[in-house]
């Protein structure tokens, strides 16, 4: 589900950011987006790994809730 959500949202996010970037900075904006995306993915893996290692049974439920909230926010266009 998470992979599908990222694959579904990323092209629209890139188009929106590059579309509003000042003239001549679209490449820098795209590069910054990719760097932030990779850092966010790394931190997400760290947090979920720590939750699973700590023995919390709700780690997958927490991940599903975050994905559902993100989908709801992006689907509404906010």
PDB file of N, CA and C in Angstrom:
ATOM      1  N   UNK A   1       0.830  -1.194   0.000  1.00  0.00           N
ATOM      2  CA  UNK A   1       0.000   0.000   0.000  1.00  0.00           C
ATOM      3  C   UNK A   1       0.870   1.252   0.000  1.00  0.00           C
ATOM      4  N   UNK A   2       1.915   1.250   0.792  1.00  0.00           N
ATOM      5  CA  UNK A   2       2.772   2.433   0.860  1.00  0.00           C
ATOM      6  C   UNK A   2       3.472   2.666  -0.467  1.00  0.00           C
ATOM      7  N   UNK A   3       3.981   1.604  -1.061  1.00  0.00           N
ATOM      8  CA  UNK A   3       4.637   1.737  -2.361  1.00  0.00           C
ATOM      9  C   UNK A   3       3.702   2.259  -3.424  1.00  0.00           C
ATOM     10  N   UNK A   4       2.474   1.787  -3.416  1.00  0.00           N
ATOM     11  CA  UNK A   4       1.491   2.277  -4.375  1.00  0.00           C
ATOM     12  C   UNK A   4       1.199   3.752  -4.118  1.00  0.00           C
ATOM     13  N   UNK A   5       1.053   4.125  -2.858  1.00  0.00           N
ATOM     14  CA  UNK A   5       0.750   5.522  -2.528  1.00  0.00           C
ATOM     15  C   UNK A   5       1.855   6.467  -2.955  1.00  0.00           C
ATOM     16  N   UNK A   6       3.091   6.073  -2.721  1.00  0.00           N
ATOM     17  CA  UNK A   6       4.217   6.910  -3.126  1.00  0.00           C
ATOM     18  C   UNK A   6       4.284   7.004  -4.638  1.00  0.00           C
ATOM     19  N   UNK A   7       4.116   5.875  -5.319  1.00  0.00           N
ATOM     20  CA  UNK A   7       4.145   5.882  -6.781  1.00  0.00           C
ATOM     21  C   UNK A   7       3.009   6.709  -7.365  1.00  0.00           C
ATOM     22  N   UNK A   8       1.898   6.753  -6.677  1.00  0.00           N
ATOM     23  CA  UNK A   8       0.740   7.498  -7.140  1.00  0.00           C
ATOM     24  C   UNK A   8       0.905   9.002  -6.903  1.00  0.00           C
ATOM     25  N   UNK A   9       1.507   9.376  -5.785  1.00  0.00           N
ATOM     26  CA  UNK A   9       1.585  10.788  -5.405  1.00  0.00           C
ATOM     27  C   UNK A   9       2.829  11.496  -5.933  1.00  0.00           C
ATOM     28  N   UNK A  10       3.930  10.799  -6.106  1.00  0.00           N
ATOM     29  CA  UNK A  10       5.184  11.451  -6.451  1.00  0.00           C
ATOM     30  C   UNK A  10       5.161  12.205  -7.784  1.00  0.00           C
ATOM     31  N   UNK A  11       4.629  11.661  -8.868  1.00  0.00           N
ATOM     32  CA  UNK A  11       4.612  12.436 -10.116  1.00  0.00           C
ATOM     33  C   UNK A  11       3.834  13.748  -9.991  1.00  0.00           C
ATOM     34  N   UNK A  12       2.727  13.723  -9.283  1.00  0.00           N
ATOM     35  CA  UNK A  12       1.956  14.953  -9.100  1.00  0.00           C
ATOM     36  C   UNK A  12       2.728  15.951  -8.245  1.00  0.00           C
ATOM     37  N   UNK A  13       3.419  15.471  -7.240  1.00  0.00           N
ATOM     38  CA  UNK A  13       4.208  16.350  -6.386  1.00  0.00           C
ATOM     39  C   UNK A  13       5.348  16.992  -7.167  1.00  0.00           C
ATOM     40  N   UNK A  14       6.039  16.206  -7.968  1.00  0.00           N
ATOM     41  CA  UNK A  14       7.132  16.745  -8.782  1.00  0.00           C
ATOM     42  C   UNK A  14       6.599  17.787  -9.753  1.00  0.00           C
ATOM     43  N   UNK A  15       5.502  17.493 -10.426  1.00  0.00           N
ATOM     44  CA  UNK A  15       4.929  18.440 -11.389  1.00  0.00           C
ATOM     45  C   UNK A  15       4.515  19.733 -10.700  1.00  0.00           C
ATOM     46  N   UNK A  16       3.919  19.627  -9.522  1.00  0.00           N
ATOM     47  CA  UNK A  16       3.482  20.827  -8.802  1.00  0.00           C
ATOM     48  C   UNK A  16       4.676  21.673  -8.369  1.00  0.00           C
ATOM     49  N   UNK A  17       5.712  21.047  -7.828  1.00  0.00           N
ATOM     50  CA  UNK A  17       6.871  21.805  -7.361  1.00  0.00           C
ATOM     51  C   UNK A  17       7.649  22.434  -8.511  1.00  0.00           C
ATOM     52  N   UNK A  18       7.881  21.678  -9.562  1.00  0.00           N
ATOM     53  CA  UNK A  18       8.624  22.213 -10.700  1.00  0.00           C
ATOM     54  C   UNK A  18       7.809  23.298 -11.400  1.00  0.00           C
ATOM     55  N   UNK A  19       6.481  23.157 -11.389  1.00  0.00           N
ATOM     56  CA  UNK A  19       5.623  24.160 -12.016  1.00  0.00           C
ATOM     57  C   UNK A  19       5.640  25.502 -11.324  1.00  0.00           C
ATOM     58  N   UNK A  20       5.842  25.523 -10.012  1.00  0.00           N
ATOM     59  CA  UNK A  20       5.847  26.794  -9.278  1.00  0.00           C
ATOM     60  C   UNK A  20       7.254  27.295  -8.992  1.00  0.00           C
ATOM     61  N   UNK A  21       8.266  26.560  -9.432  1.00  0.00           N
ATOM     62  CA  UNK A  21       9.651  26.985  -9.205  1.00  0.00           C
ATOM     63  C   UNK A  21       9.959  28.215 -10.041  1.00  0.00           C
ATOM     64  N   UNK A  22      10.734  29.137  -9.485  1.00  0.00           N
ATOM     65  CA  UNK A  22      11.149  30.301 -10.276  1.00  0.00           C
ATOM     66  C   UNK A  22      11.934  29.868 -11.515  1.00  0.00           C
ATOM     67  N   UNK A  23      11.919  30.697 -12.507  1.00  0.00           N
ATOM     68  CA  UNK A  23      12.597  30.389 -13.769  1.00  0.00           C
ATOM     69  C   UNK A  23      14.067  30.053 -13.531  1.00  0.00           C
ATOM     70  N   UNK A  24      14.499  28.952 -14.119  1.00  0.00           N
ATOM     71  CA  UNK A  24      15.890  28.547 -14.030  1.00  0.00           C
ATOM     72  C   UNK A  24      16.237  27.723 -12.801  1.00  0.00           C
ATOM     73  N   UNK A  25      15.262  27.451 -11.935  1.00  0.00           N
ATOM     74  CA  UNK A  25      15.572  26.695 -10.717  1.00  0.00           C
ATOM     75  C   UNK A  25      14.858  25.352 -10.657  1.00  0.00           C
ATOM     76  N   UNK A  26      14.234  24.947 -11.736  1.00  0.00           N
ATOM     77  CA  UNK A  26      13.479  23.692 -11.728  1.00  0.00           C
ATOM     78  C   UNK A  26      14.368  22.493 -11.409  1.00  0.00           C
ATOM     79  N   UNK A  27      15.585  22.481 -11.915  1.00  0.00           N
ATOM     80  CA  UNK A  27      16.502  21.381 -11.627  1.00  0.00           C
ATOM     81  C   UNK A  27      16.880  21.313 -10.158  1.00  0.00           C
ATOM     82  N   UNK A  28      17.144  22.475  -9.562  1.00  0.00           N
ATOM     83  CA  UNK A  28      17.488  22.517  -8.135  1.00  0.00           C
ATOM     84  C   UNK A  28      16.304  22.086  -7.284  1.00  0.00           C
ATOM     85  N   UNK A  29      15.105  22.506  -7.666  1.00  0.00           N
ATOM     86  CA  UNK A  29      13.898  22.131  -6.916  1.00  0.00           C
ATOM     87  C   UNK A  29      13.673  20.631  -7.014  1.00  0.00           C
ATOM     88  N   UNK A  30      13.838  20.066  -8.197  1.00  0.00           N
ATOM     89  CA  UNK A  30      13.688  18.619  -8.370  1.00  0.00           C
ATOM     90  C   UNK A  30      14.717  17.847  -7.562  1.00  0.00           C
ATOM     91  N   UNK A  31      15.953  18.332  -7.544  1.00  0.00           N
ATOM     92  CA  UNK A  31      16.997  17.683  -6.761  1.00  0.00           C
ATOM     93  C   UNK A  31      16.731  17.759  -5.265  1.00  0.00           C
ATOM     94  N   UNK A  32      16.254  18.914  -4.811  1.00  0.00           N
ATOM     95  CA  UNK A  32      15.920  19.066  -3.397  1.00  0.00           C
ATOM     96  C   UNK A  32      14.770  18.137  -3.010  1.00  0.00           C
ATOM     97  N   UNK A  33      13.777  18.030  -3.878  1.00  0.00           N
ATOM     98  CA  UNK A  33      12.658  17.124  -3.612  1.00  0.00           C
ATOM     99  C   UNK A  33      13.149  15.686  -3.469  1.00  0.00           C
ATOM    100  N   UNK A  34      14.026  15.257  -4.351  1.00  0.00           N
ATOM    101  CA  UNK A  34      14.540  13.888  -4.268  1.00  0.00           C
ATOM    102  C   UNK A  34      15.355  13.672  -3.000  1.00  0.00           C
ATOM    103  N   UNK A  35      16.152  14.666  -2.612  1.00  0.00           N
ATOM    104  CA  UNK A  35      16.941  14.532  -1.385  1.00  0.00           C
ATOM    105  C   UNK A  35      16.033  14.434  -0.168  1.00  0.00           C
ATOM    106  N   UNK A  36      15.021  15.285  -0.104  1.00  0.00           N
ATOM    107  CA  UNK A  36      14.094  15.261   1.029  1.00  0.00           C
ATOM    108  C   UNK A  36      13.303  13.957   1.041  1.00  0.00           C
ATOM    109  N   UNK A  37      12.912  13.468  -0.118  1.00  0.00           N
ATOM    110  CA  UNK A  37      12.181  12.208  -0.206  1.00  0.00           C
ATOM    111  C   UNK A  37      13.021  11.052   0.324  1.00  0.00           C
ATOM    112  N   UNK A  38      14.288  11.030  -0.031  1.00  0.00           N
ATOM    113  CA  UNK A  38      15.164   9.952   0.421  1.00  0.00           C
ATOM    114  C   UNK A  38      15.418  10.028   1.929  1.00  0.00           C
ATOM    115  N   UNK A  39      15.595  11.228   2.456  1.00  0.00           N
ATOM    116  CA  UNK A  39      15.780  11.375   3.903  1.00  0.00           C
ATOM    117  C   UNK A  39      14.511  10.941   4.632  1.00  0.00           C
ATOM    118  N   UNK A  40      13.350  11.348   4.115  1.00  0.00           N
ATOM    119  CA  UNK A  40      12.087  10.948   4.732  1.00  0.00           C
ATOM    120  C   UNK A  40      11.887   9.449   4.711  1.00  0.00           C
ATOM    121  N   UNK A  41      12.230   8.819   3.607  1.00  0.00           N
ATOM    122  CA  UNK A  41      12.101   7.358   3.524  1.00  0.00           C
ATOM    123  C   UNK A  41      13.038   6.678   4.509  1.00  0.00           C
ATOM    124  N   UNK A  42      14.251   7.187   4.638  1.00  0.00           N
ATOM    125  CA  UNK A  42      15.210   6.607   5.579  1.00  0.00           C
ATOM    126  C   UNK A  42      14.717   6.748   7.011  1.00  0.00           C
ATOM    127  N   UNK A  43      14.228   7.930   7.368  1.00  0.00           N
ATOM    128  CA  UNK A  43      13.715   8.135   8.715  1.00  0.00           C
ATOM    129  C   UNK A  43      12.480   7.274   8.975  1.00  0.00           C
ATOM    130  N   UNK A  44      11.656   7.086   7.955  1.00  0.00           N
ATOM    131  CA  UNK A  44      10.494   6.222   8.105  1.00  0.00           C
ATOM    132  C   UNK A  44      10.886   4.788   8.400  1.00  0.00           C
ATOM    133  N   UNK A  45      11.907   4.299   7.706  1.00  0.00           N
ATOM    134  CA  UNK A  45      12.391   2.942   7.956  1.00  0.00           C
ATOM    135  C   UNK A  45      12.965   2.835   9.366  1.00  0.00           C
ATOM    136  N   UNK A  46      13.683   3.855   9.800  1.00  0.00           N
ATOM    137  CA  UNK A  46      14.263   3.852  11.147  1.00  0.00           C
ATOM    138  C   UNK A  46      13.163   3.818  12.201  1.00  0.00           C
ATOM    139  N   UNK A  47      12.158   4.658  12.056  1.00  0.00           N
ATOM    140  CA  UNK A  47      11.078   4.719  13.045  1.00  0.00           C
ATOM    141  C   UNK A  47      10.299   3.411  13.082  1.00  0.00           C
ATOM    142  N   UNK A  48       9.944   2.884  11.912  1.00  0.00           N
ATOM    143  CA  UNK A  48       9.191   1.632  11.890  1.00  0.00           C
ATOM    144  C   UNK A  48      10.047   0.473  12.396  1.00  0.00           C
ATOM    145  N   UNK A  49      11.338   0.465  12.073  1.00  0.00           N
ATOM    146  CA  UNK A  49      12.222  -0.578  12.585  1.00  0.00           C
ATOM    147  C   UNK A  49      12.348  -0.521  14.098  1.00  0.00           C
ATOM    148  N   UNK A  50      12.432   0.680  14.637  1.00  0.00           N
ATOM    149  CA  UNK A  50      12.505   0.826  16.092  1.00  0.00           C
ATOM    150  C   UNK A  50      11.207   0.377  16.750  1.00  0.00           C
ATOM    151  N   UNK A  51      10.075   0.683  16.126  1.00  0.00           N
ATOM    152  CA  UNK A  51       8.781   0.270  16.693  1.00  0.00           C
ATOM    153  C   UNK A  51       8.650  -1.245  16.679  1.00  0.00           C
ATOM    154  N   UNK A  52       9.085  -1.887  15.605  1.00  0.00           N
ATOM    155  CA  UNK A  52       9.012  -3.348  15.527  1.00  0.00           C
ATOM    156  C   UNK A  52      10.000  -3.980  16.511  1.00  0.00           C
ATOM    157  N   UNK A  53      11.209  -3.419  16.599  1.00  0.00           N
ATOM    158  CA  UNK A  53      12.219  -3.969  17.503  1.00  0.00           C
ATOM    159  C   UNK A  53      11.810  -3.822  18.966  1.00  0.00           C
ATOM    160  N   UNK A  54      11.055  -2.766  19.268  1.00  0.00           N
ATOM    161  CA  UNK A  54      10.616  -2.544  20.647  1.00  0.00           C
ATOM    162  C   UNK A  54       9.490  -3.492  21.025  1.00  0.00           C
ATOM    163  N   UNK A  55       8.976  -4.217  20.045  1.00  0.00           N
ATOM    164  CA  UNK A  55       7.944  -5.199  20.335  1.00  0.00           C
ATOM    165  C   UNK A  55       6.537  -4.628  20.345  1.00  0.00           C
ATOM    166  N   UNK A  56       6.378  -3.445  19.765  1.00  0.00           N
ATOM    167  CA  UNK A  56       5.027  -2.902  19.714  1.00  0.00           C
ATOM    168  C   UNK A  56       4.254  -3.623  18.633  1.00  0.00           C
ATOM    169  N   UNK A  57       3.159  -4.220  19.000  1.00  0.00           N
ATOM    170  CA  UNK A  57       2.337  -4.939  18.041  1.00  0.00           C
ATOM    171  C   UNK A  57       1.567  -4.020  17.121  1.00  0.00           C
ATOM    172  N   UNK A  58       1.578  -2.756  17.443  1.00  0.00           N
ATOM    173  CA  UNK A  58       0.789  -1.815  16.653  1.00  0.00           C
ATOM    174  C   UNK A  58       1.610  -1.117  15.580  1.00  0.00           C
ATOM    175  N   UNK A  59       2.821  -1.588  15.276  1.00  0.00           N
ATOM    176  CA  UNK A  59       3.674  -0.924  14.292  1.00  0.00           C
ATOM    177  C   UNK A  59       3.024  -0.902  12.912  1.00  0.00           C
ATOM    178  N   UNK A  60       2.455  -2.022  12.489  1.00  0.00           N
ATOM    179  CA  UNK A  60       1.811  -2.053  11.179  1.00  0.00           C
ATOM    180  C   UNK A  60       0.528  -1.232  11.169  1.00  0.00           C
ATOM    181  N   UNK A  61      -0.184  -1.251  12.272  1.00  0.00           N
ATOM    182  CA  UNK A  61      -1.390  -0.430  12.373  1.00  0.00           C
ATOM    183  C   UNK A  61      -1.039   1.049  12.314  1.00  0.00           C
ATOM    184  N   UNK A  62       0.048   1.437  12.965  1.00  0.00           N
ATOM    185  CA  UNK A  62       0.499   2.824  12.923  1.00  0.00           C
ATOM    186  C   UNK A  62       0.870   3.220  11.492  1.00  0.00           C
ATOM    187  N   UNK A  63       1.562   2.344  10.783  1.00  0.00           N
ATOM    188  CA  UNK A  63       1.930   2.614   9.397  1.00  0.00           C
ATOM    189  C   UNK A  63       0.692   2.761   8.522  1.00  0.00           C
ATOM    190  N   UNK A  64      -0.278   1.893   8.706  1.00  0.00           N
ATOM    191  CA  UNK A  64      -1.509   1.976   7.919  1.00  0.00           C
ATOM    192  C   UNK A  64      -2.263   3.263   8.225  1.00  0.00           C
ATOM    193  N   UNK A  65      -2.278   3.679   9.474  1.00  0.00           N
ATOM    194  CA  UNK A  65      -2.966   4.923   9.842  1.00  0.00           C
ATOM    195  C   UNK A  65      -2.291   6.132   9.212  1.00  0.00           C
ATOM    196  N   UNK A  66      -0.969   6.172   9.221  1.00  0.00           N
ATOM    197  CA  UNK A  66      -0.244   7.283   8.603  1.00  0.00           C
ATOM    198  C   UNK A  66      -0.517   7.326   7.105  1.00  0.00           C
ATOM    199  N   UNK A  67      -0.515   6.175   6.454  1.00  0.00           N
ATOM    200  CA  UNK A  67      -0.799   6.125   5.016  1.00  0.00           C
ATOM    201  C   UNK A  67      -2.221   6.581   4.717  1.00  0.00           C
ATOM    202  N   UNK A  68      -3.168   6.157   5.532  1.00  0.00           N
ATOM    203  CA  UNK A  68      -4.558   6.553   5.318  1.00  0.00           C
ATOM    204  C   UNK A  68      -4.736   8.050   5.504  1.00  0.00           C
ATOM    205  N   UNK A  69      -4.102   8.620   6.508  1.00  0.00           N
ATOM    206  CA  UNK A  69      -4.206  10.064   6.731  1.00  0.00           C
ATOM    207  C   UNK A  69      -3.564  10.828   5.582  1.00  0.00           C
ATOM    208  N   UNK A  70      -2.387  10.376   5.136  1.00  0.00           N
ATOM    209  CA  UNK A  70      -1.727  11.042   4.013  1.00  0.00           C
ATOM    210  C   UNK A  70      -2.573  10.954   2.755  1.00  0.00           C
ATOM    211  N   UNK A  71      -3.167   9.806   2.500  1.00  0.00           N
ATOM    212  CA  UNK A  71      -4.023   9.670   1.319  1.00  0.00           C
ATOM    213  C   UNK A  71      -5.201  10.628   1.414  1.00  0.00           C
ATOM    214  N   UNK A  72      -5.825  10.700   2.590  1.00  0.00           N
ATOM    215  CA  UNK A  72      -6.980  11.576   2.759  1.00  0.00           C
ATOM    216  C   UNK A  72      -6.595  13.036   2.527  1.00  0.00           C
ATOM    217  N   UNK A  73      -5.459  13.463   3.054  1.00  0.00           N
ATOM    218  CA  UNK A  73      -5.024  14.849   2.886  1.00  0.00           C
ATOM    219  C   UNK A  73      -4.726  15.146   1.426  1.00  0.00           C
ATOM    220  N   UNK A  74      -3.993  14.249   0.750  1.00  0.00           N
ATOM    221  CA  UNK A  74      -3.655  14.494  -0.648  1.00  0.00           C
ATOM    222  C   UNK A  74      -4.860  14.364  -1.566  1.00  0.00           C
ATOM    223  N   UNK A  75      -5.784  13.465  -1.248  1.00  0.00           N
ATOM    224  CA  UNK A  75      -6.971  13.292  -2.083  1.00  0.00           C
ATOM    225  C   UNK A  75      -7.863  14.517  -2.033  1.00  0.00           C
ATOM    226  N   UNK A  76      -7.868  15.195  -0.920  1.00  0.00           N
ATOM    227  CA  UNK A  76      -8.680  16.399  -0.779  1.00  0.00           C
ATOM    228  C   UNK A  76      -7.987  17.618  -1.357  1.00  0.00           C
ATOM    229  N   UNK A  77      -6.709  17.482  -1.719  1.00  0.00           N
ATOM    230  CA  UNK A  77      -5.982  18.576  -2.362  1.00  0.00           C
ATOM    231  C   UNK A  77      -5.510  19.637  -1.400  1.00  0.00           C
ATOM    232  N   UNK A  78      -5.225  19.277  -0.163  1.00  0.00           N
ATOM    233  CA  UNK A  78      -4.760  20.274   0.808  1.00  0.00           C
ATOM    234  C   UNK A  78      -3.308  20.162   1.044  1.00  0.00           C
TER     235      UNK A  78
END
